[in-house]
PDB file of all heavy atoms in Angstrom:
ATOM      1  N   ASN A   1      10.430  -2.081   7.937  1.00  0.00           N
ATOM      2  CA  ASN A   1      11.194  -3.184   7.336  1.00  0.00           C
ATOM      3  C   ASN A   1      10.306  -3.851   6.278  1.00  0.00           C
ATOM      4  O   ASN A   1       9.527  -3.162   5.620  1.00  0.00           O
ATOM      5  CB  ASN A   1      11.680  -4.171   8.407  1.00  0.00           C
ATOM      6  CG  ASN A   1      10.564  -4.686   9.299  1.00  0.00           C
ATOM      7  OD1 ASN A   1       9.382  -4.612   8.961  1.00  0.00           O
ATOM      8  ND2 ASN A   1      10.922  -5.219  10.450  1.00  0.00           N
ATOM      9  N   ASN A   2      10.394  -5.162   6.142  1.00  0.00           N
ATOM     10  CA  ASN A   2       9.576  -5.856   5.135  1.00  0.00           C
ATOM     11  C   ASN A   2       8.074  -5.673   5.352  1.00  0.00           C
ATOM     12  O   ASN A   2       7.282  -5.937   4.439  1.00  0.00           O
ATOM     13  CB  ASN A   2       9.947  -7.336   5.094  1.00  0.00           C
ATOM     14  CG  ASN A   2       9.539  -8.090   6.339  1.00  0.00           C
ATOM     15  OD1 ASN A   2       8.424  -8.603   6.443  1.00  0.00           O
ATOM     16  ND2 ASN A   2      10.441  -8.197   7.310  1.00  0.00           N
ATOM     17  N   TRP A   3       7.680  -5.234   6.542  1.00  0.00           N
ATOM     18  CA  TRP A   3       6.254  -5.002   6.815  1.00  0.00           C
ATOM     19  C   TRP A   3       5.633  -3.983   5.858  1.00  0.00           C
ATOM     20  O   TRP A   3       4.405  -3.950   5.680  1.00  0.00           O
ATOM     21  CB  TRP A   3       6.064  -4.519   8.244  1.00  0.00           C
ATOM     22  CG  TRP A   3       6.118  -5.576   9.305  1.00  0.00           C
ATOM     23  CD1 TRP A   3       6.915  -6.670   9.336  1.00  0.00           C
ATOM     24  CD2 TRP A   3       5.338  -5.610  10.495  1.00  0.00           C
ATOM     25  NE1 TRP A   3       6.694  -7.384  10.488  1.00  0.00           N
ATOM     26  CE2 TRP A   3       5.734  -6.760  11.223  1.00  0.00           C
ATOM     27  CE3 TRP A   3       4.367  -4.780  11.044  1.00  0.00           C
ATOM     28  CZ2 TRP A   3       5.173  -7.097  12.454  1.00  0.00           C
ATOM     29  CZ3 TRP A   3       3.812  -5.107  12.279  1.00  0.00           C
ATOM     30  CH2 TRP A   3       4.209  -6.274  12.969  1.00  0.00           C
ATOM     31  N   LYS A   4       6.440  -3.120   5.272  1.00  0.00           N
ATOM     32  CA  LYS A   4       5.887  -2.126   4.350  1.00  0.00           C
ATOM     33  C   LYS A   4       5.058  -2.798   3.246  1.00  0.00           C
ATOM     34  O   LYS A   4       4.075  -2.236   2.766  1.00  0.00           O
ATOM     35  CB  LYS A   4       7.013  -1.317   3.711  1.00  0.00           C
ATOM     36  CG  LYS A   4       7.896  -0.553   4.692  1.00  0.00           C
ATOM     37  CD  LYS A   4       7.171   0.601   5.347  1.00  0.00           C
ATOM     38  CE  LYS A   4       8.098   1.412   6.231  1.00  0.00           C
ATOM     39  NZ  LYS A   4       7.411   2.521   6.921  1.00  0.00           N
ATOM     40  N   PHE A   5       5.465  -4.002   2.855  1.00  0.00           N
ATOM     41  CA  PHE A   5       4.725  -4.713   1.817  1.00  0.00           C
ATOM     42  C   PHE A   5       3.343  -5.146   2.297  1.00  0.00           C
ATOM     43  O   PHE A   5       2.427  -5.335   1.488  1.00  0.00           O
ATOM     44  CB  PHE A   5       5.514  -5.932   1.337  1.00  0.00           C
ATOM     45  CG  PHE A   5       6.361  -5.674   0.129  1.00  0.00           C
ATOM     46  CD1 PHE A   5       7.736  -5.748   0.198  1.00  0.00           C
ATOM     47  CD2 PHE A   5       5.782  -5.346  -1.090  1.00  0.00           C
ATOM     48  CE1 PHE A   5       8.525  -5.517  -0.913  1.00  0.00           C
ATOM     49  CE2 PHE A   5       6.560  -5.112  -2.215  1.00  0.00           C
ATOM     50  CZ  PHE A   5       7.949  -5.195  -2.122  1.00  0.00           C
ATOM     51  N   PHE A   6       3.166  -5.341   3.612  1.00  0.00           N
ATOM     52  CA  PHE A   6       1.849  -5.750   4.105  1.00  0.00           C
ATOM     53  C   PHE A   6       0.812  -4.670   3.799  1.00  0.00           C
ATOM     54  O   PHE A   6      -0.334  -4.968   3.469  1.00  0.00           O
ATOM     55  CB  PHE A   6       1.899  -6.042   5.608  1.00  0.00           C
ATOM     56  CG  PHE A   6       2.852  -7.143   5.983  1.00  0.00           C
ATOM     57  CD1 PHE A   6       3.556  -7.089   7.182  1.00  0.00           C
ATOM     58  CD2 PHE A   6       3.068  -8.221   5.151  1.00  0.00           C
ATOM     59  CE1 PHE A   6       4.435  -8.099   7.529  1.00  0.00           C
ATOM     60  CE2 PHE A   6       3.945  -9.229   5.488  1.00  0.00           C
ATOM     61  CZ  PHE A   6       4.633  -9.169   6.684  1.00  0.00           C
ATOM     62  N   ARG A   7       1.240  -3.418   3.924  1.00  0.00           N
ATOM     63  CA  ARG A   7       0.337  -2.312   3.583  1.00  0.00           C
ATOM     64  C   ARG A   7      -0.089  -2.428   2.117  1.00  0.00           C
ATOM     65  O   ARG A   7      -1.268  -2.233   1.768  1.00  0.00           O
ATOM     66  CB  ARG A   7       1.057  -0.990   3.847  1.00  0.00           C
ATOM     67  CG  ARG A   7       0.512   0.225   3.096  1.00  0.00           C
ATOM     68  CD  ARG A   7      -0.863   0.631   3.577  1.00  0.00           C
ATOM     69  NE  ARG A   7      -1.453   1.614   2.677  1.00  0.00           N
ATOM     70  CZ  ARG A   7      -1.476   2.930   2.884  1.00  0.00           C
ATOM     71  NH1 ARG A   7      -0.910   3.435   3.951  1.00  0.00           N
ATOM     72  NH2 ARG A   7      -2.068   3.744   2.036  1.00  0.00           N
ATOM     73  N   LEU A   8       0.835  -2.754   1.229  1.00  0.00           N
ATOM     74  CA  LEU A   8       0.499  -2.852  -0.193  1.00  0.00           C
ATOM     75  C   LEU A   8      -0.445  -4.009  -0.455  1.00  0.00           C
ATOM     76  O   LEU A   8      -1.353  -3.907  -1.295  1.00  0.00           O
ATOM     77  CB  LEU A   8       1.769  -3.005  -1.020  1.00  0.00           C
ATOM     78  CG  LEU A   8       2.845  -1.925  -0.867  1.00  0.00           C
ATOM     79  CD1 LEU A   8       3.950  -2.138  -1.885  1.00  0.00           C
ATOM     80  CD2 LEU A   8       2.250  -0.528  -0.991  1.00  0.00           C
ATOM     81  N   MET A   9      -0.253  -5.140   0.246  1.00  0.00           N
ATOM     82  CA  MET A   9      -1.155  -6.286   0.068  1.00  0.00           C
ATOM     83  C   MET A   9      -2.573  -5.942   0.559  1.00  0.00           C
ATOM     84  O   MET A   9      -3.570  -6.327  -0.061  1.00  0.00           O
ATOM     85  CB  MET A   9      -0.618  -7.497   0.830  1.00  0.00           C
ATOM     86  CG  MET A   9       0.696  -8.076   0.317  1.00  0.00           C
ATOM     87  SD  MET A   9       0.569  -8.801  -1.340  1.00  0.00           S
ATOM     88  CE  MET A   9       1.357  -7.500  -2.293  1.00  0.00           C
ATOM     89  N   ILE A  10      -2.659  -5.232   1.675  1.00  0.00           N
ATOM     90  CA  ILE A  10      -3.972  -4.813   2.176  1.00  0.00           C
ATOM     91  C   ILE A  10      -4.644  -3.890   1.156  1.00  0.00           C
ATOM     92  O   ILE A  10      -5.842  -4.005   0.869  1.00  0.00           O
ATOM     93  CB  ILE A  10      -3.822  -4.115   3.540  1.00  0.00           C
ATOM     94  CG1 ILE A  10      -3.327  -5.113   4.592  1.00  0.00           C
ATOM     95  CG2 ILE A  10      -5.145  -3.494   3.981  1.00  0.00           C
ATOM     96  CD1 ILE A  10      -2.883  -4.453   5.898  1.00  0.00           C
ATOM     97  N   ASP A  11      -3.863  -2.968   0.585  1.00  0.00           N
ATOM     98  CA  ASP A  11      -4.414  -2.048  -0.403  1.00  0.00           C
ATOM     99  C   ASP A  11      -4.959  -2.792  -1.623  1.00  0.00           C
ATOM    100  O   ASP A  11      -5.995  -2.405  -2.187  1.00  0.00           O
ATOM    101  CB  ASP A  11      -3.339  -1.062  -0.853  1.00  0.00           C
ATOM    102  CG  ASP A  11      -3.166   0.084   0.125  1.00  0.00           C
ATOM    103  OD1 ASP A  11      -3.996   0.232   1.034  1.00  0.00           O
ATOM    104  OD2 ASP A  11      -2.186   0.844  -0.024  1.00  0.00           O
ATOM    105  N   LEU A  12      -4.280  -3.857  -2.059  1.00  0.00           N
ATOM    106  CA  LEU A  12      -4.784  -4.626  -3.197  1.00  0.00           C
ATOM    107  C   LEU A  12      -6.171  -5.181  -2.905  1.00  0.00           C
ATOM    108  O   LEU A  12      -7.057  -5.167  -3.772  1.00  0.00           O
ATOM    109  CB  LEU A  12      -3.827  -5.766  -3.528  1.00  0.00           C
ATOM    110  CG  LEU A  12      -2.465  -5.405  -4.121  1.00  0.00           C
ATOM    111  CD1 LEU A  12      -1.663  -6.676  -4.400  1.00  0.00           C
ATOM    112  CD2 LEU A  12      -2.613  -4.581  -5.387  1.00  0.00           C
ATOM    113  N   GLY A  13      -6.367  -5.687  -1.685  1.00  0.00           N
ATOM    114  CA  GLY A  13      -7.677  -6.225  -1.318  1.00  0.00           C
ATOM    115  C   GLY A  13      -8.730  -5.143  -1.213  1.00  0.00           C
ATOM    116  O   GLY A  13      -9.867  -5.308  -1.715  1.00  0.00           O
ATOM    117  N   LEU A  14      -8.394  -4.026  -0.571  1.00  0.00           N
ATOM    118  CA  LEU A  14      -9.365  -2.944  -0.419  1.00  0.00           C
ATOM    119  C   LEU A  14      -9.776  -2.379  -1.772  1.00  0.00           C
ATOM    120  O   LEU A  14     -10.960  -2.077  -2.005  1.00  0.00           O
ATOM    121  CB  LEU A  14      -8.767  -1.845   0.460  1.00  0.00           C
ATOM    122  CG  LEU A  14      -8.713  -2.156   1.963  1.00  0.00           C
ATOM    123  CD1 LEU A  14      -7.889  -1.120   2.702  1.00  0.00           C
ATOM    124  CD2 LEU A  14     -10.135  -2.216   2.550  1.00  0.00           C
ATOM    125  N   GLU A  15      -8.823  -2.225  -2.657  1.00  0.00           N
ATOM    126  CA  GLU A  15      -9.151  -1.731  -3.995  1.00  0.00           C
ATOM    127  C   GLU A  15     -10.109  -2.683  -4.711  1.00  0.00           C
ATOM    128  O   GLU A  15     -11.063  -2.254  -5.368  1.00  0.00           O
ATOM    129  CB  GLU A  15      -7.861  -1.571  -4.807  1.00  0.00           C
ATOM    130  CG  GLU A  15      -8.078  -1.056  -6.215  1.00  0.00           C
ATOM    131  CD  GLU A  15      -6.794  -1.015  -7.009  1.00  0.00           C
ATOM    132  OE1 GLU A  15      -5.953  -1.927  -6.848  1.00  0.00           O
ATOM    133  OE2 GLU A  15      -6.629  -0.076  -7.813  1.00  0.00           O
ATOM    134  N   GLU A  16      -9.889  -3.985  -4.556  1.00  0.00           N
ATOM    135  CA  GLU A  16     -10.726  -4.979  -5.230  1.00  0.00           C
ATOM    136  C   GLU A  16     -12.169  -4.925  -4.758  1.00  0.00           C
ATOM    137  O   GLU A  16     -13.106  -5.132  -5.545  1.00  0.00           O
ATOM    138  CB  GLU A  16     -10.147  -6.367  -4.998  1.00  0.00           C
ATOM    139  CG  GLU A  16     -10.920  -7.506  -5.625  1.00  0.00           C
ATOM    140  CD  GLU A  16     -10.893  -7.479  -7.139  1.00  0.00           C
ATOM    141  OE1 GLU A  16      -9.924  -6.938  -7.723  1.00  0.00           O
ATOM    142  OE2 GLU A  16     -11.855  -7.999  -7.755  1.00  0.00           O
ATOM    143  N   ILE A  17     -12.379  -4.634  -3.465  1.00  0.00           N
ATOM    144  CA  ILE A  17     -13.734  -4.649  -2.922  1.00  0.00           C
ATOM    145  C   ILE A  17     -14.357  -3.253  -2.856  1.00  0.00           C
ATOM    146  O   ILE A  17     -15.407  -3.058  -2.246  1.00  0.00           O
ATOM    147  CB  ILE A  17     -13.783  -5.330  -1.535  1.00  0.00           C
ATOM    148  CG1 ILE A  17     -12.880  -4.624  -0.532  1.00  0.00           C
ATOM    149  CG2 ILE A  17     -13.398  -6.804  -1.682  1.00  0.00           C
ATOM    150  CD1 ILE A  17     -12.936  -5.197   0.884  1.00  0.00           C
ATOM    151  N   GLY A  18     -13.673  -2.257  -3.462  1.00  0.00           N
ATOM    152  CA  GLY A  18     -14.302  -0.961  -3.673  1.00  0.00           C
ATOM    153  C   GLY A  18     -14.135   0.055  -2.575  1.00  0.00           C
ATOM    154  O   GLY A  18     -14.890   1.038  -2.544  1.00  0.00           O
ATOM    155  N   PHE A  19     -13.184  -0.115  -1.693  1.00  0.00           N
ATOM    156  CA  PHE A  19     -12.979   0.878  -0.637  1.00  0.00           C
ATOM    157  C   PHE A  19     -11.982   1.936  -1.090  1.00  0.00           C
ATOM    158  O   PHE A  19     -11.088   1.678  -1.897  1.00  0.00           O
ATOM    159  CB  PHE A  19     -12.509   0.202   0.644  1.00  0.00           C
ATOM    160  CG  PHE A  19     -13.634  -0.432   1.408  1.00  0.00           C
ATOM    161  CD1 PHE A  19     -14.196  -1.618   0.975  1.00  0.00           C
ATOM    162  CD2 PHE A  19     -14.170   0.178   2.537  1.00  0.00           C
ATOM    163  CE1 PHE A  19     -15.252  -2.200   1.657  1.00  0.00           C
ATOM    164  CE2 PHE A  19     -15.226  -0.400   3.225  1.00  0.00           C
ATOM    165  CZ  PHE A  19     -15.771  -1.593   2.787  1.00  0.00           C
ATOM    166  N   ALA A  20     -12.157   3.129  -0.535  1.00  0.00           N
ATOM    167  CA  ALA A  20     -11.402   4.286  -1.002  1.00  0.00           C
ATOM    168  C   ALA A  20      -9.897   4.076  -0.823  1.00  0.00           C
ATOM    169  O   ALA A  20      -9.438   3.704   0.261  1.00  0.00           O
ATOM    170  CB  ALA A  20     -11.842   5.532  -0.238  1.00  0.00           C
ATOM    171  N   PRO A  21      -9.129   4.316  -1.865  1.00  0.00           N
ATOM    172  CA  PRO A  21      -7.675   4.154  -1.742  1.00  0.00           C
ATOM    173  C   PRO A  21      -7.032   5.336  -1.025  1.00  0.00           C
ATOM    174  O   PRO A  21      -7.605   6.430  -0.964  1.00  0.00           O
ATOM    175  CB  PRO A  21      -7.222   4.101  -3.203  1.00  0.00           C
ATOM    176  CG  PRO A  21      -8.229   4.927  -3.938  1.00  0.00           C
ATOM    177  CD  PRO A  21      -9.537   4.696  -3.224  1.00  0.00           C
ATOM    178  N   ASP A  22      -5.861   5.096  -0.474  1.00  0.00           N
ATOM    179  CA  ASP A  22      -5.016   6.157   0.073  1.00  0.00           C
ATOM    180  C   ASP A  22      -3.778   6.208  -0.819  1.00  0.00           C
ATOM    181  O   ASP A  22      -2.748   5.616  -0.514  1.00  0.00           O
ATOM    182  CB  ASP A  22      -4.653   5.847   1.520  1.00  0.00           C
ATOM    183  CG  ASP A  22      -3.623   6.825   2.092  1.00  0.00           C
ATOM    184  OD1 ASP A  22      -3.398   7.878   1.469  1.00  0.00           O
ATOM    185  OD2 ASP A  22      -3.020   6.508   3.134  1.00  0.00           O
ATOM    186  N   ALA A  23      -3.905   6.883  -1.954  1.00  0.00           N
ATOM    187  CA  ALA A  23      -2.859   6.840  -2.971  1.00  0.00           C
ATOM    188  C   ALA A  23      -1.548   7.407  -2.458  1.00  0.00           C
ATOM    189  O   ALA A  23      -0.470   6.871  -2.744  1.00  0.00           O
ATOM    190  CB  ALA A  23      -3.324   7.604  -4.213  1.00  0.00           C
ATOM    191  N   ALA A  24      -1.614   8.482  -1.674  1.00  0.00           N
ATOM    192  CA  ALA A  24      -0.378   9.098  -1.187  1.00  0.00           C
ATOM    193  C   ALA A  24       0.363   8.158  -0.249  1.00  0.00           C
ATOM    194  O   ALA A  24       1.586   7.991  -0.345  1.00  0.00           O
ATOM    195  CB  ALA A  24      -0.701  10.419  -0.491  1.00  0.00           C
ATOM    196  N   GLY A  25      -0.384   7.540   0.686  1.00  0.00           N
ATOM    197  CA  GLY A  25       0.251   6.596   1.603  1.00  0.00           C
ATOM    198  C   GLY A  25       0.836   5.403   0.872  1.00  0.00           C
ATOM    199  O   GLY A  25       1.932   4.916   1.208  1.00  0.00           O
ATOM    200  N   HIS A  26       0.128   4.929  -0.135  1.00  0.00           N
ATOM    201  CA  HIS A  26       0.600   3.792  -0.932  1.00  0.00           C
ATOM    202  C   HIS A  26       1.917   4.138  -1.622  1.00  0.00           C
ATOM    203  O   HIS A  26       2.875   3.352  -1.592  1.00  0.00           O
ATOM    204  CB  HIS A  26      -0.476   3.445  -1.964  1.00  0.00           C
ATOM    205  CG  HIS A  26      -0.268   2.142  -2.660  1.00  0.00           C
ATOM    206  ND1 HIS A  26      -0.892   0.981  -2.272  1.00  0.00           N
ATOM    207  CD2 HIS A  26       0.487   1.803  -3.744  1.00  0.00           C
ATOM    208  CE1 HIS A  26      -0.539  -0.006  -3.080  1.00  0.00           C
ATOM    209  NE2 HIS A  26       0.304   0.468  -3.988  1.00  0.00           N
ATOM    210  N   GLU A  27       1.983   5.311  -2.240  1.00  0.00           N
ATOM    211  CA  GLU A  27       3.202   5.735  -2.932  1.00  0.00           C
ATOM    212  C   GLU A  27       4.358   5.916  -1.952  1.00  0.00           C
ATOM    213  O   GLU A  27       5.510   5.590  -2.262  1.00  0.00           O
ATOM    214  CB  GLU A  27       2.949   7.031  -3.697  1.00  0.00           C
ATOM    215  CG  GLU A  27       1.998   6.893  -4.870  1.00  0.00           C
ATOM    216  CD  GLU A  27       2.531   5.955  -5.943  1.00  0.00           C
ATOM    217  OE1 GLU A  27       3.765   5.848  -6.105  1.00  0.00           O
ATOM    218  OE2 GLU A  27       1.702   5.312  -6.626  1.00  0.00           O
ATOM    219  N   ASN A  28       4.064   6.434  -0.777  1.00  0.00           N
ATOM    220  CA  ASN A  28       5.123   6.608   0.224  1.00  0.00           C
ATOM    221  C   ASN A  28       5.733   5.264   0.611  1.00  0.00           C
ATOM    222  O   ASN A  28       6.952   5.140   0.760  1.00  0.00           O
ATOM    223  CB  ASN A  28       4.570   7.305   1.470  1.00  0.00           C
ATOM    224  CG  ASN A  28       4.322   8.783   1.261  1.00  0.00           C
ATOM    225  OD1 ASN A  28       4.869   9.384   0.319  1.00  0.00           O
ATOM    226  ND2 ASN A  28       3.491   9.381   2.103  1.00  0.00           N
ATOM    227  N   TYR A  29       4.880   4.252   0.761  1.00  0.00           N
ATOM    228  CA  TYR A  29       5.399   2.945   1.155  1.00  0.00           C
ATOM    229  C   TYR A  29       6.204   2.307   0.027  1.00  0.00           C
ATOM    230  O   TYR A  29       7.228   1.658   0.273  1.00  0.00           O
ATOM    231  CB  TYR A  29       4.251   2.034   1.614  1.00  0.00           C
ATOM    232  CG  TYR A  29       3.975   2.172   3.105  1.00  0.00           C
ATOM    233  CD1 TYR A  29       3.864   3.415   3.690  1.00  0.00           C
ATOM    234  CD2 TYR A  29       3.862   1.051   3.919  1.00  0.00           C
ATOM    235  CE1 TYR A  29       3.633   3.551   5.051  1.00  0.00           C
ATOM    236  CE2 TYR A  29       3.633   1.175   5.287  1.00  0.00           C
ATOM    237  CZ  TYR A  29       3.517   2.436   5.842  1.00  0.00           C
ATOM    238  OH  TYR A  29       3.308   2.563   7.196  1.00  0.00           O
ATOM    239  N   LEU A  30       5.781   2.505  -1.205  1.00  0.00           N
ATOM    240  CA  LEU A  30       6.586   2.026  -2.328  1.00  0.00           C
ATOM    241  C   LEU A  30       7.956   2.679  -2.324  1.00  0.00           C
ATOM    242  O   LEU A  30       8.989   2.012  -2.549  1.00  0.00           O
ATOM    243  CB  LEU A  30       5.869   2.318  -3.645  1.00  0.00           C
ATOM    244  CG  LEU A  30       4.773   1.346  -4.077  1.00  0.00           C
ATOM    245  CD1 LEU A  30       3.985   1.925  -5.254  1.00  0.00           C
ATOM    246  CD2 LEU A  30       5.351  -0.006  -4.448  1.00  0.00           C
ATOM    247  N   ALA A  31       8.002   3.966  -2.046  1.00  0.00           N
ATOM    248  CA  ALA A  31       9.280   4.676  -2.015  1.00  0.00           C
ATOM    249  C   ALA A  31      10.154   4.184  -0.864  1.00  0.00           C
ATOM    250  O   ALA A  31      11.387   4.065  -1.005  1.00  0.00           O
ATOM    251  CB  ALA A  31       9.036   6.179  -1.893  1.00  0.00           C
ATOM    252  N   GLU A  32       9.542   3.891   0.274  1.00  0.00           N
ATOM    253  CA  GLU A  32      10.320   3.415   1.414  1.00  0.00           C
ATOM    254  C   GLU A  32      10.866   2.010   1.167  1.00  0.00           C
ATOM    255  O   GLU A  32      11.977   1.673   1.603  1.00  0.00           O
ATOM    256  CB  GLU A  32       9.459   3.464   2.681  1.00  0.00           C
ATOM    257  CG  GLU A  32       9.195   4.898   3.134  1.00  0.00           C
ATOM    258  CD  GLU A  32       8.128   5.002   4.202  1.00  0.00           C
ATOM    259  OE1 GLU A  32       7.595   3.953   4.617  1.00  0.00           O
ATOM    260  OE2 GLU A  32       7.813   6.129   4.619  1.00  0.00           O
ATOM    261  N   ILE A  33      10.107   1.182   0.459  1.00  0.00           N
ATOM    262  CA  ILE A  33      10.620  -0.130   0.062  1.00  0.00           C
ATOM    263  C   ILE A  33      11.806   0.041  -0.884  1.00  0.00           C
ATOM    264  O   ILE A  33      12.827  -0.649  -0.762  1.00  0.00           O
ATOM    265  CB  ILE A  33       9.507  -0.975  -0.577  1.00  0.00           C
ATOM    266  CG1 ILE A  33       8.488  -1.400   0.487  1.00  0.00           C
ATOM    267  CG2 ILE A  33      10.088  -2.200  -1.282  1.00  0.00           C
ATOM    268  CD1 ILE A  33       7.204  -1.965  -0.071  1.00  0.00           C
ATOM    269  N   ASP A  34      11.692   0.975  -1.821  1.00  0.00           N
ATOM    270  CA  ASP A  34      12.800   1.241  -2.736  1.00  0.00           C
ATOM    271  C   ASP A  34      14.071   1.612  -1.973  1.00  0.00           C
ATOM    272  O   ASP A  34      15.186   1.267  -2.392  1.00  0.00           O
ATOM    273  CB  ASP A  34      12.445   2.374  -3.695  1.00  0.00           C
ATOM    274  CG  ASP A  34      11.495   1.945  -4.795  1.00  0.00           C
ATOM    275  OD1 ASP A  34      11.335   0.723  -5.010  1.00  0.00           O
ATOM    276  OD2 ASP A  34      10.897   2.826  -5.445  1.00  0.00           O
ATOM    277  N   ALA A  35      13.914   2.307  -0.856  1.00  0.00           N
ATOM    278  CA  ALA A  35      15.087   2.739  -0.088  1.00  0.00           C
ATOM    279  C   ALA A  35      15.820   1.569   0.564  1.00  0.00           C
ATOM    280  O   ALA A  35      16.988   1.706   0.950  1.00  0.00           O
ATOM    281  CB  ALA A  35      14.666   3.747   0.980  1.00  0.00           C
TER     282      ALA A  35
END
């Protein structure tokens, strides 16, 4: 549900502090939000 956005917010923080992104998982969650 709306929790999918929490993953994206966490990713924004991890990217800022230099931790490895999970690009595929991020894109999947964007697609699920679109649905």
